[in-house]
C-alpha cells in the first residue's frame, strides 16, 4: 500500500492528570474511508481535535503527505487541505445553499463594487451547484434557503461544502446521527463520492451498521488507546461491538 496521506504517530493528549489519548497511531490513505469507533470516553473526540488542529497533542507527531506538520489552529489544517465537519454542521439556516457553501470564502464582484463588499452571487450559485452535483448531492436550487431543506439535505450540503473545499482529508463526526434511513443513505453516498475524488475520509460514528457498510478499514479506540486497526472485511457487527467493549480484540 502507498504511504499514508495523513497520520499521527505515538500521539498522546493529557488534560491535567487525565490521559485522553495514550500513544495512539492513526493513518488514512488517499481514496480510503476509515471508520473511527469507540465507546463514550474512548478518546475519539480528542483524536479528532488533534487531527483538525483544534487541540495540540501533549506528545507525538503529525504528518501530512509524509512531512511533519504542527497545527496552531484549525485554520492551519484547513489551509493544508484538512476539513472537519462536527455533529453541529455549522450551516446558517437563513442563508442560501450557495451562501453556505461559500461561507467564510465568499466571492466578490470584480471592480469597484467588489471593493465595496458586493458579492458575486451569480458565480457562487453556479459554482455551488456544480460542486454539489459533482459529489452527488441533489439540491433543488443553490439559491434556495437552507431552512427549506430536509435534515438529510442539510447534512449532505454541509458534507458537500467540506468535500468541495478539502484537497486531502475530510473528517466527519457523526454525520448520520439523528437521520432517517433514506437521509442517512444519501450522506453515505456523499462519503463514497469523496472517496472516489481521492480524498481520505475519517468517519466517526456510533452507528455500527453504517460503519460496516461504507468503510474500507476500522480503527477502534478504547480508554485512549488504539486496540484494533483492521480491514472492515474482518468485522461483523458482533465482533466489532465486542472489540469496542473489550470482549474481544483484533490484532
C-alpha atoms as a PDB file:
ATOM      1  CA  UNK A   1       0.000   0.000   0.000  1.00  0.00           C
ATOM      2  CA  UNK A   2       1.133   3.579  -0.661  1.00  0.00           C
ATOM      3  CA  UNK A   3       2.392   5.813   2.125  1.00  0.00           C
ATOM      4  CA  UNK A   4      -0.295   7.342   4.369  1.00  0.00           C
ATOM      5  CA  UNK A   5      -1.761  10.650   3.283  1.00  0.00           C
ATOM      6  CA  UNK A   6      -2.303  11.774   6.868  1.00  0.00           C
ATOM      7  CA  UNK A   7      -1.126  10.176  10.085  1.00  0.00           C
ATOM      8  CA  UNK A   8      -0.336  10.652  13.731  1.00  0.00           C
ATOM      9  CA  UNK A   9       2.417   8.702  15.433  1.00  0.00           C
ATOM     10  CA  UNK A  10       2.523   7.867  19.141  1.00  0.00           C
ATOM     11  CA  UNK A  11       0.208  10.757  19.903  1.00  0.00           C
ATOM     12  CA  UNK A  12      -0.857  11.481  23.474  1.00  0.00           C
ATOM     13  CA  UNK A  13      -3.036  14.160  24.986  1.00  0.00           C
ATOM     14  CA  UNK A  14      -3.348  14.943  28.678  1.00  0.00           C
ATOM     15  CA  UNK A  15      -5.712  17.312  30.432  1.00  0.00           C
ATOM     16  CA  UNK A  16      -4.069  17.722  33.819  1.00  0.00           C
ATOM     17  CA  UNK A  17      -3.947  14.218  35.295  1.00  0.00           C
ATOM     18  CA  UNK A  18      -6.476  12.859  32.774  1.00  0.00           C
ATOM     19  CA  UNK A  19      -4.969  10.919  29.859  1.00  0.00           C
ATOM     20  CA  UNK A  20      -7.386  11.254  26.920  1.00  0.00           C
ATOM     21  CA  UNK A  21      -5.029   9.720  24.323  1.00  0.00           C
ATOM     22  CA  UNK A  22      -2.218   7.333  25.141  1.00  0.00           C
ATOM     23  CA  UNK A  23       0.357   6.669  22.415  1.00  0.00           C
ATOM     24  CA  UNK A  24      -2.108   6.337  19.537  1.00  0.00           C
ATOM     25  CA  UNK A  25      -1.059   5.673  15.929  1.00  0.00           C
ATOM     26  CA  UNK A  26      -3.588   6.523  13.229  1.00  0.00           C
ATOM     27  CA  UNK A  27      -3.278   6.618   9.422  1.00  0.00           C
ATOM     28  CA  UNK A  28      -5.514   7.487   6.498  1.00  0.00           C
ATOM     29  CA  UNK A  29      -4.696   6.912   2.823  1.00  0.00           C
ATOM     30  CA  UNK A  30      -5.954   8.776  -0.235  1.00  0.00           C
ATOM     31  CA  UNK A  31      -9.182   7.266  -1.571  1.00  0.00           C
ATOM     32  CA  UNK A  32      -9.932   5.444   1.670  1.00  0.00           C
ATOM     33  CA  UNK A  33     -12.751   5.674   4.213  1.00  0.00           C
ATOM     34  CA  UNK A  34     -11.610   4.787   7.718  1.00  0.00           C
ATOM     35  CA  UNK A  35     -14.151   4.257  10.476  1.00  0.00           C
ATOM     36  CA  UNK A  36     -13.089   5.573  13.874  1.00  0.00           C
ATOM     37  CA  UNK A  37     -15.193   3.977  16.599  1.00  0.00           C
ATOM     38  CA  UNK A  38     -15.210   3.549  20.342  1.00  0.00           C
ATOM     39  CA  UNK A  39     -17.413   3.941  23.375  1.00  0.00           C
ATOM     40  CA  UNK A  40     -18.056   7.306  25.040  1.00  0.00           C
ATOM     41  CA  UNK A  41     -14.820   8.499  26.620  1.00  0.00           C
ATOM     42  CA  UNK A  42     -12.658   6.320  24.379  1.00  0.00           C
ATOM     43  CA  UNK A  43     -10.733   9.321  23.027  1.00  0.00           C
ATOM     44  CA  UNK A  44     -12.376   9.774  19.617  1.00  0.00           C
ATOM     45  CA  UNK A  45     -13.217  13.456  20.094  1.00  0.00           C
ATOM     46  CA  UNK A  46      -9.740  14.205  21.388  1.00  0.00           C
ATOM     47  CA  UNK A  47      -8.116  12.484  18.413  1.00  0.00           C
ATOM     48  CA  UNK A  48     -10.377  14.392  16.021  1.00  0.00           C
ATOM     49  CA  UNK A  49      -9.475  17.680  17.686  1.00  0.00           C
ATOM     50  CA  UNK A  50      -5.763  16.891  17.281  1.00  0.00           C
ATOM     51  CA  UNK A  51      -6.260  15.914  13.644  1.00  0.00           C
ATOM     52  CA  UNK A  52      -8.268  19.063  12.931  1.00  0.00           C
ATOM     53  CA  UNK A  53      -5.882  21.456  14.656  1.00  0.00           C
ATOM     54  CA  UNK A  54      -8.325  22.373  17.419  1.00  0.00           C
ATOM     55  CA  UNK A  55      -6.039  20.898  20.106  1.00  0.00           C
ATOM     56  CA  UNK A  56      -2.296  20.398  20.243  1.00  0.00           C
ATOM     57  CA  UNK A  57      -1.141  16.941  21.339  1.00  0.00           C
ATOM     58  CA  UNK A  58       0.885  16.697  24.522  1.00  0.00           C
ATOM     59  CA  UNK A  59       3.364  14.459  22.699  1.00  0.00           C
ATOM     60  CA  UNK A  60       3.697  12.644  19.388  1.00  0.00           C
ATOM     61  CA  UNK A  61       3.896  13.748  15.770  1.00  0.00           C
ATOM     62  CA  UNK A  62       1.506  14.602  12.932  1.00  0.00           C
ATOM     63  CA  UNK A  63       2.399  14.015   9.277  1.00  0.00           C
ATOM     64  CA  UNK A  64       0.679  15.187   6.093  1.00  0.00           C
ATOM     65  CA  UNK A  65       1.972  13.851   2.768  1.00  0.00           C
ATOM     66  CA  UNK A  66       4.965  12.446   4.630  1.00  0.00           C
ATOM     67  CA  UNK A  67       6.046  15.794   6.062  1.00  0.00           C
ATOM     68  CA  UNK A  68       5.770  16.566   9.760  1.00  0.00           C
ATOM     69  CA  UNK A  69       3.330  19.386  10.496  1.00  0.00           C
ATOM     70  CA  UNK A  70       2.272  21.408  13.511  1.00  0.00           C
ATOM     71  CA  UNK A  71      -1.193  22.942  13.663  1.00  0.00           C
ATOM     72  CA  UNK A  72      -1.505  26.151  15.681  1.00  0.00           C
ATOM     73  CA  UNK A  73      -5.204  26.421  14.865  1.00  0.00           C
ATOM     74  CA  UNK A  74      -7.922  24.713  12.790  1.00  0.00           C
ATOM     75  CA  UNK A  75      -7.262  27.326  10.096  1.00  0.00           C
ATOM     76  CA  UNK A  76      -3.779  25.879   9.579  1.00  0.00           C
ATOM     77  CA  UNK A  77      -5.236  22.415   8.948  1.00  0.00           C
ATOM     78  CA  UNK A  78      -7.954  23.800   6.660  1.00  0.00           C
ATOM     79  CA  UNK A  79      -5.435  25.705   4.571  1.00  0.00           C
ATOM     80  CA  UNK A  80      -3.400  22.494   4.231  1.00  0.00           C
ATOM     81  CA  UNK A  81      -6.462  20.650   2.874  1.00  0.00           C
ATOM     82  CA  UNK A  82      -7.900  19.037   6.016  1.00  0.00           C
ATOM     83  CA  UNK A  83     -11.600  19.802   6.548  1.00  0.00           C
ATOM     84  CA  UNK A  84     -13.578  18.753   9.632  1.00  0.00           C
ATOM     85  CA  UNK A  85     -17.348  18.564   9.967  1.00  0.00           C
ATOM     86  CA  UNK A  86     -18.577  18.210  13.543  1.00  0.00           C
ATOM     87  CA  UNK A  87     -22.002  16.980  14.653  1.00  0.00           C
ATOM     88  CA  UNK A  88     -23.243  20.552  14.519  1.00  0.00           C
ATOM     89  CA  UNK A  89     -22.954  21.104  10.774  1.00  0.00           C
ATOM     90  CA  UNK A  90     -22.374  24.855  11.175  1.00  0.00           C
ATOM     91  CA  UNK A  91     -24.859  25.804   8.452  1.00  0.00           C
ATOM     92  CA  UNK A  92     -26.646  29.149   8.591  1.00  0.00           C
ATOM     93  CA  UNK A  93     -30.342  28.256   8.021  1.00  0.00           C
ATOM     94  CA  UNK A  94     -31.344  31.760   6.916  1.00  0.00           C
ATOM     95  CA  UNK A  95     -28.759  31.809   4.113  1.00  0.00           C
ATOM     96  CA  UNK A  96     -28.989  30.112   0.727  1.00  0.00           C
ATOM     97  CA  UNK A  97     -27.283  26.847  -0.144  1.00  0.00           C
ATOM     98  CA  UNK A  98     -24.623  28.648  -2.195  1.00  0.00           C
ATOM     99  CA  UNK A  99     -24.009  31.208   0.569  1.00  0.00           C
ATOM    100  CA  UNK A 100     -23.413  28.322   2.982  1.00  0.00           C
ATOM    101  CA  UNK A 101     -21.062  26.538   0.581  1.00  0.00           C
ATOM    102  CA  UNK A 102     -19.005  29.734   0.331  1.00  0.00           C
ATOM    103  CA  UNK A 103     -19.432  30.780   3.972  1.00  0.00           C
ATOM    104  CA  UNK A 104     -16.174  32.412   5.037  1.00  0.00           C
ATOM    105  CA  UNK A 105     -14.811  32.129   1.473  1.00  0.00           C
ATOM    106  CA  UNK A 106     -17.176  34.454  -0.352  1.00  0.00           C
ATOM    107  CA  UNK A 107     -16.571  35.614  -3.911  1.00  0.00           C
ATOM    108  CA  UNK A 108     -16.840  39.331  -4.605  1.00  0.00           C
ATOM    109  CA  UNK A 109     -17.688  41.179  -7.795  1.00  0.00           C
ATOM    110  CA  UNK A 110     -14.737  42.477  -9.754  1.00  0.00           C
ATOM    111  CA  UNK A 111     -14.055  46.190  -9.882  1.00  0.00           C
ATOM    112  CA  UNK A 112     -15.302  48.944  -7.572  1.00  0.00           C
ATOM    113  CA  UNK A 113     -18.428  47.064  -6.455  1.00  0.00           C
ATOM    114  CA  UNK A 114     -16.343  44.173  -5.165  1.00  0.00           C
ATOM    115  CA  UNK A 115     -14.145  46.571  -3.225  1.00  0.00           C
ATOM    116  CA  UNK A 116     -17.308  47.914  -1.623  1.00  0.00           C
ATOM    117  CA  UNK A 117     -18.230  44.408  -0.472  1.00  0.00           C
ATOM    118  CA  UNK A 118     -20.786  43.378  -3.095  1.00  0.00           C
ATOM    119  CA  UNK A 119     -20.898  39.596  -3.516  1.00  0.00           C
ATOM    120  CA  UNK A 120     -20.841  37.760  -6.836  1.00  0.00           C
ATOM    121  CA  UNK A 121     -23.976  35.733  -6.089  1.00  0.00           C
ATOM    122  CA  UNK A 122     -24.344  34.516  -9.658  1.00  0.00           C
ATOM    123  CA  UNK A 123     -20.868  32.973  -9.700  1.00  0.00           C
ATOM    124  CA  UNK A 124     -21.335  31.445  -6.239  1.00  0.00           C
ATOM    125  CA  UNK A 125     -24.723  29.952  -7.207  1.00  0.00           C
ATOM    126  CA  UNK A 126     -23.202  28.387 -10.316  1.00  0.00           C
ATOM    127  CA  UNK A 127     -20.099  27.008  -8.595  1.00  0.00           C
ATOM    128  CA  UNK A 128     -22.052  25.727  -5.589  1.00  0.00           C
ATOM    129  CA  UNK A 129     -24.450  23.856  -7.874  1.00  0.00           C
ATOM    130  CA  UNK A 130     -21.536  22.334  -9.805  1.00  0.00           C
ATOM    131  CA  UNK A 131     -19.650  21.382  -6.621  1.00  0.00           C
ATOM    132  CA  UNK A 132     -22.659  19.717  -5.014  1.00  0.00           C
ATOM    133  CA  UNK A 133     -23.635  17.974  -8.228  1.00  0.00           C
ATOM    134  CA  UNK A 134     -20.094  16.624  -8.549  1.00  0.00           C
ATOM    135  CA  UNK A 135     -20.419  14.777  -5.255  1.00  0.00           C
ATOM    136  CA  UNK A 136     -23.935  13.557  -5.972  1.00  0.00           C
ATOM    137  CA  UNK A 137     -25.981  15.993  -3.879  1.00  0.00           C
ATOM    138  CA  UNK A 138     -29.352  16.769  -5.413  1.00  0.00           C
ATOM    139  CA  UNK A 139     -30.489  20.176  -4.142  1.00  0.00           C
ATOM    140  CA  UNK A 140     -33.462  21.789  -5.933  1.00  0.00           C
ATOM    141  CA  UNK A 141     -31.661  25.122  -6.318  1.00  0.00           C
ATOM    142  CA  UNK A 142     -28.416  26.528  -4.938  1.00  0.00           C
ATOM    143  CA  UNK A 143     -30.202  29.833  -4.285  1.00  0.00           C
ATOM    144  CA  UNK A 144     -32.747  28.097  -2.035  1.00  0.00           C
ATOM    145  CA  UNK A 145     -32.707  28.792   1.705  1.00  0.00           C
ATOM    146  CA  UNK A 146     -31.157  26.034   3.812  1.00  0.00           C
ATOM    147  CA  UNK A 147     -34.139  26.310   6.168  1.00  0.00           C
ATOM    148  CA  UNK A 148     -36.288  24.832   3.374  1.00  0.00           C
ATOM    149  CA  UNK A 149     -34.206  21.648   3.132  1.00  0.00           C
ATOM    150  CA  UNK A 150     -34.745  18.328   4.875  1.00  0.00           C
ATOM    151  CA  UNK A 151     -32.405  17.186   7.623  1.00  0.00           C
ATOM    152  CA  UNK A 152     -30.648  14.826   5.246  1.00  0.00           C
ATOM    153  CA  UNK A 153     -30.272  17.503   2.584  1.00  0.00           C
ATOM    154  CA  UNK A 154     -28.827  19.937   5.127  1.00  0.00           C
ATOM    155  CA  UNK A 155     -26.274  17.398   6.289  1.00  0.00           C
ATOM    156  CA  UNK A 156     -25.445  16.497   2.703  1.00  0.00           C
ATOM    157  CA  UNK A 157     -24.895  20.170   1.880  1.00  0.00           C
ATOM    158  CA  UNK A 158     -22.610  20.535   4.912  1.00  0.00           C
ATOM    159  CA  UNK A 159     -20.590  17.500   3.818  1.00  0.00           C
ATOM    160  CA  UNK A 160     -20.631  18.688   0.212  1.00  0.00           C
ATOM    161  CA  UNK A 161     -19.218  22.022   1.322  1.00  0.00           C
ATOM    162  CA  UNK A 162     -16.404  20.263   3.168  1.00  0.00           C
ATOM    163  CA  UNK A 163     -15.752  17.916   0.246  1.00  0.00           C
ATOM    164  CA  UNK A 164     -15.686  20.753  -2.280  1.00  0.00           C
ATOM    165  CA  UNK A 165     -13.076  22.663  -0.271  1.00  0.00           C
ATOM    166  CA  UNK A 166     -10.987  19.772   1.057  1.00  0.00           C
ATOM    167  CA  UNK A 167      -7.981  18.850  -1.055  1.00  0.00           C
ATOM    168  CA  UNK A 168      -6.645  15.990   1.071  1.00  0.00           C
ATOM    169  CA  UNK A 169      -8.692  14.814   4.067  1.00  0.00           C
ATOM    170  CA  UNK A 170     -12.248  15.196   5.330  1.00  0.00           C
ATOM    171  CA  UNK A 171     -13.132  14.281   8.927  1.00  0.00           C
ATOM    172  CA  UNK A 172     -16.816  13.598   9.607  1.00  0.00           C
ATOM    173  CA  UNK A 173     -18.035  13.430  13.209  1.00  0.00           C
ATOM    174  CA  UNK A 174     -21.356  11.530  13.464  1.00  0.00           C
ATOM    175  CA  UNK A 175     -22.675  12.786  10.085  1.00  0.00           C
ATOM    176  CA  UNK A 176     -25.625  10.346  10.043  1.00  0.00           C
ATOM    177  CA  UNK A 177     -26.697  10.986  13.621  1.00  0.00           C
ATOM    178  CA  UNK A 178     -30.459  11.651  14.009  1.00  0.00           C
ATOM    179  CA  UNK A 179     -31.150  10.990  10.307  1.00  0.00           C
ATOM    180  CA  UNK A 180     -33.690   8.580   8.877  1.00  0.00           C
ATOM    181  CA  UNK A 181     -32.648   5.594   6.778  1.00  0.00           C
ATOM    182  CA  UNK A 182     -33.100   7.319   3.412  1.00  0.00           C
ATOM    183  CA  UNK A 183     -31.398  10.528   4.524  1.00  0.00           C
ATOM    184  CA  UNK A 184     -28.508   8.614   6.084  1.00  0.00           C
ATOM    185  CA  UNK A 185     -28.144   6.700   2.824  1.00  0.00           C
ATOM    186  CA  UNK A 186     -27.753   9.977   0.957  1.00  0.00           C
ATOM    187  CA  UNK A 187     -24.988  11.051   3.317  1.00  0.00           C
ATOM    188  CA  UNK A 188     -23.169   7.716   2.933  1.00  0.00           C
ATOM    189  CA  UNK A 189     -23.275   8.143  -0.844  1.00  0.00           C
ATOM    190  CA  UNK A 190     -21.651  11.565  -0.496  1.00  0.00           C
ATOM    191  CA  UNK A 191     -18.890   9.941   1.523  1.00  0.00           C
ATOM    192  CA  UNK A 192     -18.343   7.428  -1.265  1.00  0.00           C
ATOM    193  CA  UNK A 193     -18.131  10.316  -3.737  1.00  0.00           C
ATOM    194  CA  UNK A 194     -15.456  11.939  -1.566  1.00  0.00           C
ATOM    195  CA  UNK A 195     -13.505   8.669  -1.610  1.00  0.00           C
ATOM    196  CA  UNK A 196     -13.846   8.478  -5.396  1.00  0.00           C
ATOM    197  CA  UNK A 197     -12.478  12.018  -5.569  1.00  0.00           C
ATOM    198  CA  UNK A 198      -9.313  10.700  -3.926  1.00  0.00           C
ATOM    199  CA  UNK A 199      -9.852  12.206  -0.505  1.00  0.00           C
ATOM    200  CA  UNK A 200      -9.044  10.429   2.712  1.00  0.00           C
ATOM    201  CA  UNK A 201     -12.266  10.190   4.716  1.00  0.00           C
ATOM    202  CA  UNK A 202     -12.364   9.702   8.501  1.00  0.00           C
ATOM    203  CA  UNK A 203     -15.842   8.585   9.587  1.00  0.00           C
ATOM    204  CA  UNK A 204     -16.599   8.796  13.326  1.00  0.00           C
ATOM    205  CA  UNK A 205     -19.875   7.103  14.255  1.00  0.00           C
ATOM    206  CA  UNK A 206     -21.734   5.138  16.912  1.00  0.00           C
ATOM    207  CA  UNK A 207     -23.984   3.690  14.189  1.00  0.00           C
ATOM    208  CA  UNK A 208     -22.048   0.491  13.545  1.00  0.00           C
ATOM    209  CA  UNK A 209     -24.134  -0.718  10.547  1.00  0.00           C
ATOM    210  CA  UNK A 210     -23.200   2.493   8.703  1.00  0.00           C
ATOM    211  CA  UNK A 211     -19.538   1.997   9.594  1.00  0.00           C
ATOM    212  CA  UNK A 212     -19.605  -1.584   8.326  1.00  0.00           C
ATOM    213  CA  UNK A 213     -21.442  -0.530   5.173  1.00  0.00           C
ATOM    214  CA  UNK A 214     -19.213   2.255   3.895  1.00  0.00           C
ATOM    215  CA  UNK A 215     -15.697   1.971   5.333  1.00  0.00           C
ATOM    216  CA  UNK A 216     -12.579   0.252   4.000  1.00  0.00           C
ATOM    217  CA  UNK A 217     -10.869  -0.038   7.372  1.00  0.00           C
ATOM    218  CA  UNK A 218     -11.910   0.316  11.002  1.00  0.00           C
ATOM    219  CA  UNK A 219      -9.875   1.704  13.907  1.00  0.00           C
ATOM    220  CA  UNK A 220     -11.167   1.094  17.434  1.00  0.00           C
ATOM    221  CA  UNK A 221     -10.239   3.304  20.382  1.00  0.00           C
ATOM    222  CA  UNK A 222     -10.696   2.228  23.981  1.00  0.00           C
ATOM    223  CA  UNK A 223      -9.581   4.250  27.011  1.00  0.00           C
ATOM    224  CA  UNK A 224      -7.341   6.427  24.858  1.00  0.00           C
ATOM    225  CA  UNK A 225      -5.551   3.554  23.107  1.00  0.00           C
ATOM    226  CA  UNK A 226      -5.898   2.008  19.647  1.00  0.00           C
ATOM    227  CA  UNK A 227      -6.997  -1.571  20.321  1.00  0.00           C
ATOM    228  CA  UNK A 228      -7.822  -2.601  16.747  1.00  0.00           C
ATOM    229  CA  UNK A 229      -6.884  -1.480  13.236  1.00  0.00           C
ATOM    230  CA  UNK A 230      -8.064  -3.864  10.522  1.00  0.00           C
ATOM    231  CA  UNK A 231      -9.897  -4.050   7.168  1.00  0.00           C
ATOM    232  CA  UNK A 232     -13.649  -3.769   7.516  1.00  0.00           C
ATOM    233  CA  UNK A 233     -13.991  -7.212   5.961  1.00  0.00           C
ATOM    234  CA  UNK A 234     -12.560  -8.708   9.167  1.00  0.00           C
ATOM    235  CA  UNK A 235     -15.501  -7.436  11.223  1.00  0.00           C
ATOM    236  CA  UNK A 236     -19.150  -8.206  11.573  1.00  0.00           C
ATOM    237  CA  UNK A 237     -21.499  -6.357  13.933  1.00  0.00           C
ATOM    238  CA  UNK A 238     -20.942  -8.755  16.833  1.00  0.00           C
ATOM    239  CA  UNK A 239     -17.160  -8.792  16.509  1.00  0.00           C
ATOM    240  CA  UNK A 240     -16.961  -5.001  16.173  1.00  0.00           C
ATOM    241  CA  UNK A 241     -19.143  -4.445  19.226  1.00  0.00           C
ATOM    242  CA  UNK A 242     -17.055  -6.940  21.200  1.00  0.00           C
ATOM    243  CA  UNK A 243     -13.881  -5.096  20.223  1.00  0.00           C
ATOM    244  CA  UNK A 244     -15.333  -1.759  21.288  1.00  0.00           C
ATOM    245  CA  UNK A 245     -16.455  -3.086  24.657  1.00  0.00           C
ATOM    246  CA  UNK A 246     -13.328  -5.149  25.277  1.00  0.00           C
ATOM    247  CA  UNK A 247     -14.891  -8.597  24.984  1.00  0.00           C
ATOM    248  CA  UNK A 248     -12.524  -9.405  22.116  1.00  0.00           C
ATOM    249  CA  UNK A 249      -9.686  -7.726  20.241  1.00  0.00           C
ATOM    250  CA  UNK A 250      -8.412  -7.696  16.654  1.00  0.00           C
ATOM    251  CA  UNK A 251      -4.682  -7.563  16.154  1.00  0.00           C
END
